[in-house]
């Protein structure tokens, strides 16, 4: 019923801006309904309580809005803190965390027993939605030992792995049951049976490709990919896979695994990959459901002038044999273009 003032004019309702916001989101809700979105959770959003709570709200909102969110996480800061408590030194070579068997026990404990549990708990405050698993479970991720190369020499980093295959069965079953899978980035090797620490950016990209996801979303501590850092803080809002590939050699070490993951994803069936600022509350909703969006979007070359590229059959992508090499074994605290952590 319309309410009018004595002068005959329609009264201005204070809630009207909320309605406008919902209407703005309508085309995006229609476009993304039923689509899978893989979100790599990292950066300050992992250690700030308000940002963690906002992240959980965003992910649950996606689920209730008809999307199928999957969360992949690492835990570099938490791992470093726990290693310090146990008196185990954190050593890095070529920007990679050297992971001894003793350190791997701590990594496994922190990722699956601390970070994952907290995240699942935050999500489940909003209903019985989230289920935690690791890359070990149901052979979701299989890895092989990763070696670094320093001055032409191959360097053994211990239990640092790179993904060789993805089995989406357990994750798909959870999605089909209306759940939100929360995946810790550790994987077992089919070669030696050991469990390996896998970079979360690489893991998220491989899983997004194997699932045939519409979107890979990577949370970090910068606004996006800068056009000419440090001379300018202008953020590139959109670029193609080829354009990104040309920029990779000049990126800082902290951004390399993220952008390599984005590149891998869009070249293996993911319609778009986005790097967004996890320091901004509700950055996921701002990116997906507003006209402006935030961060940097990477699209396949074929999508540059003709919308999204066709997504190949997900079953054809379960072997992630060419997943990009990890640039940080534990979602490690690598410097980004603004001096934050990745």
C-alpha atoms as a PDB file:
ATOM      1  CA  UNK A   1       0.000   0.000   0.000  1.00  0.00           C
ATOM      2  CA  UNK A   2       1.378   3.433  -0.900  1.00  0.00           C
ATOM      3  CA  UNK A   3       1.538   5.927   1.950  1.00  0.00           C
ATOM      4  CA  UNK A   4       1.108   9.580   1.126  1.00  0.00           C
ATOM      5  CA  UNK A   5       1.644  12.711   3.142  1.00  0.00           C
ATOM      6  CA  UNK A   6      -1.079  15.339   3.580  1.00  0.00           C
ATOM      7  CA  UNK A   7       0.422  17.262   0.673  1.00  0.00           C
ATOM      8  CA  UNK A   8      -0.138  14.277  -1.612  1.00  0.00           C
ATOM      9  CA  UNK A   9       3.557  13.423  -2.203  1.00  0.00           C
ATOM     10  CA  UNK A  10       4.878   9.910  -1.575  1.00  0.00           C
ATOM     11  CA  UNK A  11       6.735   9.546   1.700  1.00  0.00           C
ATOM     12  CA  UNK A  12      10.450   8.737   1.371  1.00  0.00           C
ATOM     13  CA  UNK A  13      11.181   5.481   3.158  1.00  0.00           C
ATOM     14  CA  UNK A  14      14.521   5.163   4.937  1.00  0.00           C
ATOM     15  CA  UNK A  15      14.864   1.560   3.698  1.00  0.00           C
ATOM     16  CA  UNK A  16      14.694   2.562   0.025  1.00  0.00           C
ATOM     17  CA  UNK A  17      18.512   2.491  -0.465  1.00  0.00           C
ATOM     18  CA  UNK A  18      18.489  -1.158   0.645  1.00  0.00           C
ATOM     19  CA  UNK A  19      15.929  -1.948  -2.038  1.00  0.00           C
ATOM     20  CA  UNK A  20      18.080  -0.216  -4.653  1.00  0.00           C
ATOM     21  CA  UNK A  21      21.068  -2.306  -3.567  1.00  0.00           C
ATOM     22  CA  UNK A  22      19.052  -5.517  -3.926  1.00  0.00           C
ATOM     23  CA  UNK A  23      17.822  -4.483  -7.369  1.00  0.00           C
ATOM     24  CA  UNK A  24      21.400  -3.729  -8.458  1.00  0.00           C
ATOM     25  CA  UNK A  25      22.368  -7.257  -7.425  1.00  0.00           C
ATOM     26  CA  UNK A  26      19.526  -8.905  -9.390  1.00  0.00           C
ATOM     27  CA  UNK A  27      21.342  -9.390 -12.728  1.00  0.00           C
ATOM     28  CA  UNK A  28      24.377 -10.749 -10.898  1.00  0.00           C
ATOM     29  CA  UNK A  29      22.210 -13.125  -8.859  1.00  0.00           C
ATOM     30  CA  UNK A  30      20.655 -14.369 -12.092  1.00  0.00           C
ATOM     31  CA  UNK A  31      24.026 -14.765 -13.803  1.00  0.00           C
ATOM     32  CA  UNK A  32      25.726 -16.668 -10.974  1.00  0.00           C
ATOM     33  CA  UNK A  33      22.811 -18.814  -9.775  1.00  0.00           C
ATOM     34  CA  UNK A  34      23.823 -22.463  -9.564  1.00  0.00           C
ATOM     35  CA  UNK A  35      27.464 -21.741 -10.418  1.00  0.00           C
ATOM     36  CA  UNK A  36      30.463 -23.011  -8.450  1.00  0.00           C
ATOM     37  CA  UNK A  37      32.830 -20.446  -6.941  1.00  0.00           C
ATOM     38  CA  UNK A  38      36.166 -21.513  -5.442  1.00  0.00           C
ATOM     39  CA  UNK A  39      37.517 -19.031  -2.890  1.00  0.00           C
ATOM     40  CA  UNK A  40      41.082 -19.048  -1.632  1.00  0.00           C
ATOM     41  CA  UNK A  41      41.006 -17.720   1.928  1.00  0.00           C
ATOM     42  CA  UNK A  42      44.213 -15.991   3.029  1.00  0.00           C
ATOM     43  CA  UNK A  43      45.960 -12.784   4.020  1.00  0.00           C
ATOM     44  CA  UNK A  44      44.804 -10.515   6.842  1.00  0.00           C
ATOM     45  CA  UNK A  45      41.314 -11.986   6.550  1.00  0.00           C
ATOM     46  CA  UNK A  46      42.722 -15.084   8.270  1.00  0.00           C
ATOM     47  CA  UNK A  47      44.000 -13.313  11.366  1.00  0.00           C
ATOM     48  CA  UNK A  48      41.574 -10.421  11.914  1.00  0.00           C
ATOM     49  CA  UNK A  49      38.441 -11.479  13.832  1.00  0.00           C
ATOM     50  CA  UNK A  50      36.131  -8.957  12.172  1.00  0.00           C
ATOM     51  CA  UNK A  51      37.383  -9.846   8.707  1.00  0.00           C
ATOM     52  CA  UNK A  52      36.989 -13.571   9.433  1.00  0.00           C
ATOM     53  CA  UNK A  53      33.406 -13.035  10.560  1.00  0.00           C
ATOM     54  CA  UNK A  54      32.632 -10.930   7.478  1.00  0.00           C
ATOM     55  CA  UNK A  55      34.196 -13.577   5.232  1.00  0.00           C
ATOM     56  CA  UNK A  56      31.981 -16.267   6.760  1.00  0.00           C
ATOM     57  CA  UNK A  57      28.901 -14.088   6.250  1.00  0.00           C
ATOM     58  CA  UNK A  58      29.820 -13.535   2.604  1.00  0.00           C
ATOM     59  CA  UNK A  59      30.307 -17.233   1.903  1.00  0.00           C
ATOM     60  CA  UNK A  60      27.010 -18.164   3.577  1.00  0.00           C
ATOM     61  CA  UNK A  61      25.283 -15.390   1.601  1.00  0.00           C
ATOM     62  CA  UNK A  62      26.618 -16.904  -1.620  1.00  0.00           C
ATOM     63  CA  UNK A  63      25.210 -20.276  -0.617  1.00  0.00           C
ATOM     64  CA  UNK A  64      21.750 -18.855   0.165  1.00  0.00           C
ATOM     65  CA  UNK A  65      21.830 -16.786  -3.032  1.00  0.00           C
ATOM     66  CA  UNK A  66      22.012 -19.988  -5.048  1.00  0.00           C
ATOM     67  CA  UNK A  67      25.772 -20.256  -5.685  1.00  0.00           C
ATOM     68  CA  UNK A  68      27.940 -23.246  -4.764  1.00  0.00           C
ATOM     69  CA  UNK A  69      30.942 -21.901  -2.798  1.00  0.00           C
ATOM     70  CA  UNK A  70      34.044 -23.956  -2.035  1.00  0.00           C
ATOM     71  CA  UNK A  71      36.710 -22.595   0.333  1.00  0.00           C
ATOM     72  CA  UNK A  72      40.403 -23.526   0.085  1.00  0.00           C
ATOM     73  CA  UNK A  73      42.749 -22.248   2.779  1.00  0.00           C
ATOM     74  CA  UNK A  74      46.369 -22.224   3.830  1.00  0.00           C
ATOM     75  CA  UNK A  75      47.706 -20.843   7.083  1.00  0.00           C
ATOM     76  CA  UNK A  76      51.197 -19.375   6.827  1.00  0.00           C
ATOM     77  CA  UNK A  77      51.026 -17.036   9.860  1.00  0.00           C
ATOM     78  CA  UNK A  78      49.448 -19.675  12.096  1.00  0.00           C
ATOM     79  CA  UNK A  79      51.989 -22.294  11.013  1.00  0.00           C
ATOM     80  CA  UNK A  80      54.923 -19.984  11.742  1.00  0.00           C
ATOM     81  CA  UNK A  81      53.523 -19.156  15.182  1.00  0.00           C
ATOM     82  CA  UNK A  82      53.023 -22.814  16.071  1.00  0.00           C
ATOM     83  CA  UNK A  83      56.488 -23.803  14.837  1.00  0.00           C
ATOM     84  CA  UNK A  84      57.935 -21.108  17.101  1.00  0.00           C
ATOM     85  CA  UNK A  85      56.020 -22.543  20.061  1.00  0.00           C
ATOM     86  CA  UNK A  86      57.514 -25.980  19.382  1.00  0.00           C
ATOM     87  CA  UNK A  87      60.983 -24.532  18.927  1.00  0.00           C
ATOM     88  CA  UNK A  88      61.167 -25.549  15.263  1.00  0.00           C
ATOM     89  CA  UNK A  89      62.957 -22.992  13.108  1.00  0.00           C
ATOM     90  CA  UNK A  90      61.208 -21.682  10.008  1.00  0.00           C
ATOM     91  CA  UNK A  91      63.639 -21.839   7.111  1.00  0.00           C
ATOM     92  CA  UNK A  92      62.957 -20.524   3.631  1.00  0.00           C
ATOM     93  CA  UNK A  93      64.829 -21.222   0.406  1.00  0.00           C
ATOM     94  CA  UNK A  94      64.000 -19.450  -2.846  1.00  0.00           C
ATOM     95  CA  UNK A  95      60.958 -18.040  -1.070  1.00  0.00           C
ATOM     96  CA  UNK A  96      59.736 -21.514  -0.086  1.00  0.00           C
ATOM     97  CA  UNK A  97      59.296 -22.893   3.399  1.00  0.00           C
ATOM     98  CA  UNK A  98      61.563 -25.881   4.024  1.00  0.00           C
ATOM     99  CA  UNK A  99      59.238 -28.470   5.580  1.00  0.00           C
ATOM    100  CA  UNK A 100      60.891 -31.255   7.552  1.00  0.00           C
ATOM    101  CA  UNK A 101      58.832 -34.292   8.667  1.00  0.00           C
ATOM    102  CA  UNK A 102      58.597 -32.690  12.142  1.00  0.00           C
ATOM    103  CA  UNK A 103      57.451 -29.390  10.631  1.00  0.00           C
ATOM    104  CA  UNK A 104      54.939 -31.243   8.437  1.00  0.00           C
ATOM    105  CA  UNK A 105      53.319 -32.704  11.544  1.00  0.00           C
ATOM    106  CA  UNK A 106      52.801 -29.146  12.786  1.00  0.00           C
ATOM    107  CA  UNK A 107      51.545 -27.965   9.385  1.00  0.00           C
ATOM    108  CA  UNK A 108      48.999 -30.768   9.290  1.00  0.00           C
ATOM    109  CA  UNK A 109      47.874 -30.077  12.843  1.00  0.00           C
ATOM    110  CA  UNK A 110      47.491 -26.334  12.279  1.00  0.00           C
ATOM    111  CA  UNK A 111      45.705 -26.512   8.922  1.00  0.00           C
ATOM    112  CA  UNK A 112      43.314 -29.364   9.650  1.00  0.00           C
ATOM    113  CA  UNK A 113      42.986 -28.960  13.410  1.00  0.00           C
ATOM    114  CA  UNK A 114      43.080 -25.198  13.936  1.00  0.00           C
ATOM    115  CA  UNK A 115      42.497 -23.023  10.871  1.00  0.00           C
ATOM    116  CA  UNK A 116      39.959 -25.312   9.232  1.00  0.00           C
ATOM    117  CA  UNK A 117      38.081 -25.955  12.483  1.00  0.00           C
ATOM    118  CA  UNK A 118      37.776 -22.242  13.218  1.00  0.00           C
ATOM    119  CA  UNK A 119      36.561 -21.460   9.718  1.00  0.00           C
ATOM    120  CA  UNK A 120      34.022 -24.277   9.730  1.00  0.00           C
ATOM    121  CA  UNK A 121      32.776 -23.036  13.095  1.00  0.00           C
ATOM    122  CA  UNK A 122      32.344 -19.473  11.827  1.00  0.00           C
ATOM    123  CA  UNK A 123      30.386 -20.666   8.803  1.00  0.00           C
ATOM    124  CA  UNK A 124      28.201 -22.977  10.869  1.00  0.00           C
ATOM    125  CA  UNK A 125      27.092 -20.148  13.123  1.00  0.00           C
ATOM    126  CA  UNK A 126      24.712 -19.423  10.273  1.00  0.00           C
ATOM    127  CA  UNK A 127      23.399 -22.975   9.937  1.00  0.00           C
ATOM    128  CA  UNK A 128      24.637 -26.555   9.438  1.00  0.00           C
ATOM    129  CA  UNK A 129      26.405 -25.809   6.164  1.00  0.00           C
ATOM    130  CA  UNK A 130      30.190 -26.180   6.274  1.00  0.00           C
ATOM    131  CA  UNK A 131      32.114 -29.467   6.227  1.00  0.00           C
ATOM    132  CA  UNK A 132      35.886 -29.574   6.581  1.00  0.00           C
ATOM    133  CA  UNK A 133      38.225 -31.889   4.712  1.00  0.00           C
ATOM    134  CA  UNK A 134      41.829 -31.932   3.587  1.00  0.00           C
ATOM    135  CA  UNK A 135      43.360 -32.730   0.238  1.00  0.00           C
ATOM    136  CA  UNK A 136      44.192 -36.147   1.706  1.00  0.00           C
ATOM    137  CA  UNK A 137      40.544 -37.084   2.168  1.00  0.00           C
ATOM    138  CA  UNK A 138      39.079 -39.291  -0.574  1.00  0.00           C
ATOM    139  CA  UNK A 139      42.234 -38.565  -2.631  1.00  0.00           C
ATOM    140  CA  UNK A 140      40.877 -35.089  -3.300  1.00  0.00           C
ATOM    141  CA  UNK A 141      44.414 -33.879  -4.020  1.00  0.00           C
ATOM    142  CA  UNK A 142      47.428 -35.970  -4.968  1.00  0.00           C
ATOM    143  CA  UNK A 143      50.882 -34.424  -4.903  1.00  0.00           C
ATOM    144  CA  UNK A 144      54.495 -35.119  -5.671  1.00  0.00           C
ATOM    145  CA  UNK A 145      57.606 -33.678  -4.054  1.00  0.00           C
ATOM    146  CA  UNK A 146      58.488 -30.185  -5.278  1.00  0.00           C
ATOM    147  CA  UNK A 147      62.100 -29.107  -5.730  1.00  0.00           C
ATOM    148  CA  UNK A 148      63.347 -25.532  -5.936  1.00  0.00           C
ATOM    149  CA  UNK A 149      66.177 -24.437  -8.212  1.00  0.00           C
ATOM    150  CA  UNK A 150      68.766 -22.026  -6.857  1.00  0.00           C
ATOM    151  CA  UNK A 151      71.658 -20.916  -9.074  1.00  0.00           C
ATOM    152  CA  UNK A 152      71.022 -23.880 -11.351  1.00  0.00           C
ATOM    153  CA  UNK A 153      71.079 -26.389  -8.483  1.00  0.00           C
ATOM    154  CA  UNK A 154      68.090 -28.500  -7.480  1.00  0.00           C
ATOM    155  CA  UNK A 155      67.243 -27.955  -3.802  1.00  0.00           C
ATOM    156  CA  UNK A 156      65.224 -30.393  -1.699  1.00  0.00           C
ATOM    157  CA  UNK A 157      62.584 -28.545   0.344  1.00  0.00           C
ATOM    158  CA  UNK A 158      61.343 -31.564   2.250  1.00  0.00           C
ATOM    159  CA  UNK A 159      57.588 -32.088   2.447  1.00  0.00           C
ATOM    160  CA  UNK A 160      56.641 -29.334  -0.021  1.00  0.00           C
ATOM    161  CA  UNK A 161      54.444 -30.700  -2.763  1.00  0.00           C
ATOM    162  CA  UNK A 162      52.926 -29.789  -6.080  1.00  0.00           C
ATOM    163  CA  UNK A 163      49.590 -31.153  -7.211  1.00  0.00           C
ATOM    164  CA  UNK A 164      49.526 -33.875  -9.836  1.00  0.00           C
ATOM    165  CA  UNK A 165      45.848 -34.893  -9.744  1.00  0.00           C
ATOM    166  CA  UNK A 166      42.467 -33.843  -8.377  1.00  0.00           C
ATOM    167  CA  UNK A 167      39.539 -36.128  -7.540  1.00  0.00           C
ATOM    168  CA  UNK A 168      36.424 -33.974  -7.152  1.00  0.00           C
ATOM    169  CA  UNK A 169      34.109 -36.753  -5.924  1.00  0.00           C
ATOM    170  CA  UNK A 170      33.956 -35.806  -2.233  1.00  0.00           C
ATOM    171  CA  UNK A 171      33.683 -32.073  -2.930  1.00  0.00           C
ATOM    172  CA  UNK A 172      30.955 -32.596  -5.546  1.00  0.00           C
ATOM    173  CA  UNK A 173      28.989 -34.804  -3.151  1.00  0.00           C
ATOM    174  CA  UNK A 174      29.075 -32.096  -0.498  1.00  0.00           C
ATOM    175  CA  UNK A 175      28.020 -29.422  -2.986  1.00  0.00           C
ATOM    176  CA  UNK A 176      25.174 -31.578  -4.270  1.00  0.00           C
ATOM    177  CA  UNK A 177      24.036 -31.963  -0.652  1.00  0.00           C
ATOM    178  CA  UNK A 178      23.913 -28.195  -0.188  1.00  0.00           C
ATOM    179  CA  UNK A 179      27.068 -28.023   1.951  1.00  0.00           C
ATOM    180  CA  UNK A 180      30.056 -25.687   1.842  1.00  0.00           C
ATOM    181  CA  UNK A 181      33.321 -27.669   1.531  1.00  0.00           C
ATOM    182  CA  UNK A 182      36.289 -26.177   3.396  1.00  0.00           C
ATOM    183  CA  UNK A 183      39.504 -27.730   2.078  1.00  0.00           C
ATOM    184  CA  UNK A 184      42.920 -27.611   3.761  1.00  0.00           C
ATOM    185  CA  UNK A 185      45.823 -27.437   1.301  1.00  0.00           C
ATOM    186  CA  UNK A 186      47.701 -30.626   2.157  1.00  0.00           C
ATOM    187  CA  UNK A 187      47.925 -33.668  -0.103  1.00  0.00           C
ATOM    188  CA  UNK A 188      49.239 -37.225  -0.057  1.00  0.00           C
ATOM    189  CA  UNK A 189      51.705 -38.547  -2.593  1.00  0.00           C
ATOM    190  CA  UNK A 190      50.854 -41.675  -4.579  1.00  0.00           C
ATOM    191  CA  UNK A 191      54.586 -42.278  -5.000  1.00  0.00           C
ATOM    192  CA  UNK A 192      55.928 -42.407  -1.457  1.00  0.00           C
ATOM    193  CA  UNK A 193      52.750 -42.203   0.664  1.00  0.00           C
ATOM    194  CA  UNK A 194      53.922 -39.074   2.479  1.00  0.00           C
ATOM    195  CA  UNK A 195      51.717 -36.050   3.152  1.00  0.00           C
ATOM    196  CA  UNK A 196      52.878 -32.802   1.557  1.00  0.00           C
ATOM    197  CA  UNK A 197      52.237 -29.155   2.204  1.00  0.00           C
ATOM    198  CA  UNK A 198      50.805 -27.529  -0.931  1.00  0.00           C
ATOM    199  CA  UNK A 199      50.541 -23.833  -1.702  1.00  0.00           C
ATOM    200  CA  UNK A 200      46.910 -22.808  -1.174  1.00  0.00           C
ATOM    201  CA  UNK A 201      46.806 -20.552  -4.265  1.00  0.00           C
ATOM    202  CA  UNK A 202      47.927 -23.464  -6.451  1.00  0.00           C
ATOM    203  CA  UNK A 203      45.510 -25.849  -4.733  1.00  0.00           C
ATOM    204  CA  UNK A 204      42.553 -23.512  -5.195  1.00  0.00           C
ATOM    205  CA  UNK A 205      43.327 -23.021  -8.889  1.00  0.00           C
ATOM    206  CA  UNK A 206      43.651 -26.762  -9.525  1.00  0.00           C
ATOM    207  CA  UNK A 207      40.405 -27.508  -7.691  1.00  0.00           C
ATOM    208  CA  UNK A 208      38.530 -24.719  -9.503  1.00  0.00           C
ATOM    209  CA  UNK A 209      39.622 -26.119 -12.878  1.00  0.00           C
ATOM    210  CA  UNK A 210      38.739 -29.694 -11.939  1.00  0.00           C
ATOM    211  CA  UNK A 211      35.287 -28.650 -10.700  1.00  0.00           C
ATOM    212  CA  UNK A 212      34.558 -26.626 -13.822  1.00  0.00           C
ATOM    213  CA  UNK A 213      33.964 -23.623 -11.564  1.00  0.00           C
ATOM    214  CA  UNK A 214      32.718 -20.358 -12.976  1.00  0.00           C
ATOM    215  CA  UNK A 215      34.983 -18.276 -10.756  1.00  0.00           C
ATOM    216  CA  UNK A 216      38.227 -18.556  -8.817  1.00  0.00           C
ATOM    217  CA  UNK A 217      38.486 -15.844  -6.195  1.00  0.00           C
ATOM    218  CA  UNK A 218      41.774 -15.186  -4.356  1.00  0.00           C
ATOM    219  CA  UNK A 219      41.779 -13.031  -1.225  1.00  0.00           C
ATOM    220  CA  UNK A 220      45.012 -11.164  -0.582  1.00  0.00           C
ATOM    221  CA  UNK A 221      46.333  -8.062   1.172  1.00  0.00           C
ATOM    222  CA  UNK A 222      46.443  -5.737  -1.814  1.00  0.00           C
ATOM    223  CA  UNK A 223      43.756  -4.056  -3.889  1.00  0.00           C
ATOM    224  CA  UNK A 224      44.528  -6.168  -6.933  1.00  0.00           C
ATOM    225  CA  UNK A 225      47.202  -6.277  -9.608  1.00  0.00           C
ATOM    226  CA  UNK A 226      48.910  -2.903  -9.953  1.00  0.00           C
ATOM    227  CA  UNK A 227      49.574  -1.497 -13.412  1.00  0.00           C
ATOM    228  CA  UNK A 228      52.951   0.105 -12.635  1.00  0.00           C
ATOM    229  CA  UNK A 229      53.970  -0.474  -9.018  1.00  0.00           C
ATOM    230  CA  UNK A 230      55.659   1.309  -7.252  1.00  0.00           C
ATOM    231  CA  UNK A 231      55.303   4.284  -9.600  1.00  0.00           C
ATOM    232  CA  UNK A 232      51.504   4.100  -9.548  1.00  0.00           C
ATOM    233  CA  UNK A 233      48.835   2.535  -7.367  1.00  0.00           C
ATOM    234  CA  UNK A 234      46.365   2.202 -10.245  1.00  0.00           C
ATOM    235  CA  UNK A 235      44.787  -1.253 -10.202  1.00  0.00           C
ATOM    236  CA  UNK A 236      44.225  -3.219 -13.400  1.00  0.00           C
ATOM    237  CA  UNK A 237      40.519  -4.036 -13.314  1.00  0.00           C
ATOM    238  CA  UNK A 238      40.509  -6.623 -16.126  1.00  0.00           C
ATOM    239  CA  UNK A 239      43.065  -8.389 -18.296  1.00  0.00           C
ATOM    240  CA  UNK A 240      43.285 -11.433 -20.504  1.00  0.00           C
ATOM    241  CA  UNK A 241      45.317 -14.558 -19.912  1.00  0.00           C
ATOM    242  CA  UNK A 242      47.922 -13.530 -22.491  1.00  0.00           C
ATOM    243  CA  UNK A 243      48.226 -10.071 -20.980  1.00  0.00           C
ATOM    244  CA  UNK A 244      48.759 -11.594 -17.539  1.00  0.00           C
ATOM    245  CA  UNK A 245      51.329 -14.062 -18.852  1.00  0.00           C
ATOM    246  CA  UNK A 246      53.368 -11.164 -20.234  1.00  0.00           C
ATOM    247  CA  UNK A 247      53.356  -9.470 -16.814  1.00  0.00           C
ATOM    248  CA  UNK A 248      54.363 -12.520 -14.737  1.00  0.00           C
ATOM    249  CA  UNK A 249      58.167 -12.079 -14.992  1.00  0.00           C
ATOM    250  CA  UNK A 250      57.949  -8.616 -13.422  1.00  0.00           C
ATOM    251  CA  UNK A 251      55.632  -9.452 -10.511  1.00  0.00           C
ATOM    252  CA  UNK A 252      56.767  -9.535  -6.888  1.00  0.00           C
ATOM    253  CA  UNK A 253      57.298 -12.958  -5.346  1.00  0.00           C
ATOM    254  CA  UNK A 254      54.153 -12.729  -3.229  1.00  0.00           C
ATOM    255  CA  UNK A 255      51.878 -12.164  -6.227  1.00  0.00           C
ATOM    256  CA  UNK A 256      53.390 -14.803  -8.503  1.00  0.00           C
ATOM    257  CA  UNK A 257      51.575 -17.893  -7.094  1.00  0.00           C
ATOM    258  CA  UNK A 258      48.288 -16.018  -7.039  1.00  0.00           C
ATOM    259  CA  UNK A 259      48.525 -14.806 -10.613  1.00  0.00           C
ATOM    260  CA  UNK A 260      49.948 -18.118 -11.865  1.00  0.00           C
ATOM    261  CA  UNK A 261      46.959 -19.781 -10.240  1.00  0.00           C
ATOM    262  CA  UNK A 262      44.584 -17.361 -11.961  1.00  0.00           C
ATOM    263  CA  UNK A 263      46.303 -17.987 -15.290  1.00  0.00           C
ATOM    264  CA  UNK A 264      46.089 -21.758 -14.878  1.00  0.00           C
ATOM    265  CA  UNK A 265      42.420 -21.565 -13.920  1.00  0.00           C
ATOM    266  CA  UNK A 266      41.221 -19.497 -16.885  1.00  0.00           C
ATOM    267  CA  UNK A 267      43.256 -21.630 -19.301  1.00  0.00           C
ATOM    268  CA  UNK A 268      41.627 -24.778 -17.934  1.00  0.00           C
ATOM    269  CA  UNK A 269      37.947 -23.985 -18.138  1.00  0.00           C
ATOM    270  CA  UNK A 270      37.285 -21.446 -15.355  1.00  0.00           C
ATOM    271  CA  UNK A 271      35.334 -18.505 -16.792  1.00  0.00           C
ATOM    272  CA  UNK A 272      37.139 -15.874 -14.716  1.00  0.00           C
ATOM    273  CA  UNK A 273      39.615 -15.519 -11.871  1.00  0.00           C
ATOM    274  CA  UNK A 274      39.702 -12.572  -9.495  1.00  0.00           C
ATOM    275  CA  UNK A 275      42.220 -11.211  -7.009  1.00  0.00           C
ATOM    276  CA  UNK A 276      40.517  -9.060  -4.401  1.00  0.00           C
ATOM    277  CA  UNK A 277      41.463  -7.152  -1.273  1.00  0.00           C
ATOM    278  CA  UNK A 278      40.662  -9.319   1.726  1.00  0.00           C
ATOM    279  CA  UNK A 279      41.286  -6.352   4.045  1.00  0.00           C
ATOM    280  CA  UNK A 280      37.941  -4.897   2.928  1.00  0.00           C
ATOM    281  CA  UNK A 281      34.947  -6.267   4.789  1.00  0.00           C
ATOM    282  CA  UNK A 282      32.482  -8.082   2.500  1.00  0.00           C
ATOM    283  CA  UNK A 283      34.887  -7.785  -0.428  1.00  0.00           C
ATOM    284  CA  UNK A 284      33.460 -10.996  -1.925  1.00  0.00           C
ATOM    285  CA  UNK A 285      29.955  -9.556  -2.131  1.00  0.00           C
ATOM    286  CA  UNK A 286      31.265  -6.253  -3.478  1.00  0.00           C
ATOM    287  CA  UNK A 287      33.098  -8.107  -6.237  1.00  0.00           C
ATOM    288  CA  UNK A 288      30.303 -10.439  -7.304  1.00  0.00           C
ATOM    289  CA  UNK A 289      27.096  -8.512  -6.691  1.00  0.00           C
ATOM    290  CA  UNK A 290      27.827  -4.863  -7.494  1.00  0.00           C
ATOM    291  CA  UNK A 291      28.259  -3.008 -10.766  1.00  0.00           C
ATOM    292  CA  UNK A 292      31.600  -1.518  -9.728  1.00  0.00           C
ATOM    293  CA  UNK A 293      33.335  -4.610  -8.362  1.00  0.00           C
ATOM    294  CA  UNK A 294      36.772  -4.432  -6.792  1.00  0.00           C
ATOM    295  CA  UNK A 295      40.121  -6.049  -7.490  1.00  0.00           C
ATOM    296  CA  UNK A 296      41.490  -7.536 -10.714  1.00  0.00           C
ATOM    297  CA  UNK A 297      39.650  -9.965 -13.005  1.00  0.00           C
ATOM    298  CA  UNK A 298      41.475 -12.335 -15.362  1.00  0.00           C
ATOM    299  CA  UNK A 299      39.540 -13.801 -18.295  1.00  0.00           C
ATOM    300  CA  UNK A 300      40.429 -16.310 -21.016  1.00  0.00           C
ATOM    301  CA  UNK A 301      41.725 -14.803 -24.246  1.00  0.00           C
ATOM    302  CA  UNK A 302      38.603 -15.995 -26.067  1.00  0.00           C
ATOM    303  CA  UNK A 303      36.421 -14.136 -23.552  1.00  0.00           C
ATOM    304  CA  UNK A 304      38.000 -10.733 -24.135  1.00  0.00           C
ATOM    305  CA  UNK A 305      35.458  -9.707 -26.725  1.00  0.00           C
ATOM    306  CA  UNK A 306      32.753 -12.334 -26.511  1.00  0.00           C
ATOM    307  CA  UNK A 307      31.736 -12.948 -22.906  1.00  0.00           C
ATOM    308  CA  UNK A 308      32.758 -16.080 -21.009  1.00  0.00           C
ATOM    309  CA  UNK A 309      34.478 -18.960 -22.713  1.00  0.00           C
ATOM    310  CA  UNK A 310      32.786 -22.329 -22.824  1.00  0.00           C
ATOM    311  CA  UNK A 311      33.633 -24.559 -19.875  1.00  0.00           C
ATOM    312  CA  UNK A 312      34.906 -28.007 -20.904  1.00  0.00           C
ATOM    313  CA  UNK A 313      33.611 -31.134 -19.203  1.00  0.00           C
ATOM    314  CA  UNK A 314      34.950 -31.166 -15.638  1.00  0.00           C
ATOM    315  CA  UNK A 315      35.671 -34.883 -15.851  1.00  0.00           C
ATOM    316  CA  UNK A 316      38.279 -34.166 -18.483  1.00  0.00           C
ATOM    317  CA  UNK A 317      40.206 -31.963 -16.078  1.00  0.00           C
ATOM    318  CA  UNK A 318      40.689 -34.195 -13.053  1.00  0.00           C
ATOM    319  CA  UNK A 319      44.398 -34.681 -13.818  1.00  0.00           C
ATOM    320  CA  UNK A 320      46.084 -31.398 -12.931  1.00  0.00           C
ATOM    321  CA  UNK A 321      49.407 -32.407 -14.478  1.00  0.00           C
ATOM    322  CA  UNK A 322      50.369 -28.879 -15.498  1.00  0.00           C
ATOM    323  CA  UNK A 323      49.332 -27.051 -12.367  1.00  0.00           C
ATOM    324  CA  UNK A 324      51.724 -24.123 -11.820  1.00  0.00           C
ATOM    325  CA  UNK A 325      54.587 -24.749  -9.448  1.00  0.00           C
ATOM    326  CA  UNK A 326      54.005 -23.419  -5.940  1.00  0.00           C
ATOM    327  CA  UNK A 327      55.795 -20.167  -5.218  1.00  0.00           C
ATOM    328  CA  UNK A 328      55.326 -20.555  -1.477  1.00  0.00           C
ATOM    329  CA  UNK A 329      55.103 -23.927   0.211  1.00  0.00           C
ATOM    330  CA  UNK A 330      52.771 -22.903   3.011  1.00  0.00           C
ATOM    331  CA  UNK A 331      50.902 -19.858   1.892  1.00  0.00           C
ATOM    332  CA  UNK A 332      54.065 -18.293   3.294  1.00  0.00           C
ATOM    333  CA  UNK A 333      54.492 -14.706   4.347  1.00  0.00           C
ATOM    334  CA  UNK A 334      55.818 -13.422   1.074  1.00  0.00           C
ATOM    335  CA  UNK A 335      56.015  -9.662   0.366  1.00  0.00           C
ATOM    336  CA  UNK A 336      53.427  -8.257  -2.000  1.00  0.00           C
ATOM    337  CA  UNK A 337      53.667  -5.020  -4.024  1.00  0.00           C
ATOM    338  CA  UNK A 338      52.449  -3.016  -1.036  1.00  0.00           C
ATOM    339  CA  UNK A 339      54.620  -4.714   1.514  1.00  0.00           C
ATOM    340  CA  UNK A 340      51.805  -6.820   2.952  1.00  0.00           C
ATOM    341  CA  UNK A 341      51.667 -10.589   3.165  1.00  0.00           C
ATOM    342  CA  UNK A 342      50.220 -12.958   0.639  1.00  0.00           C
END
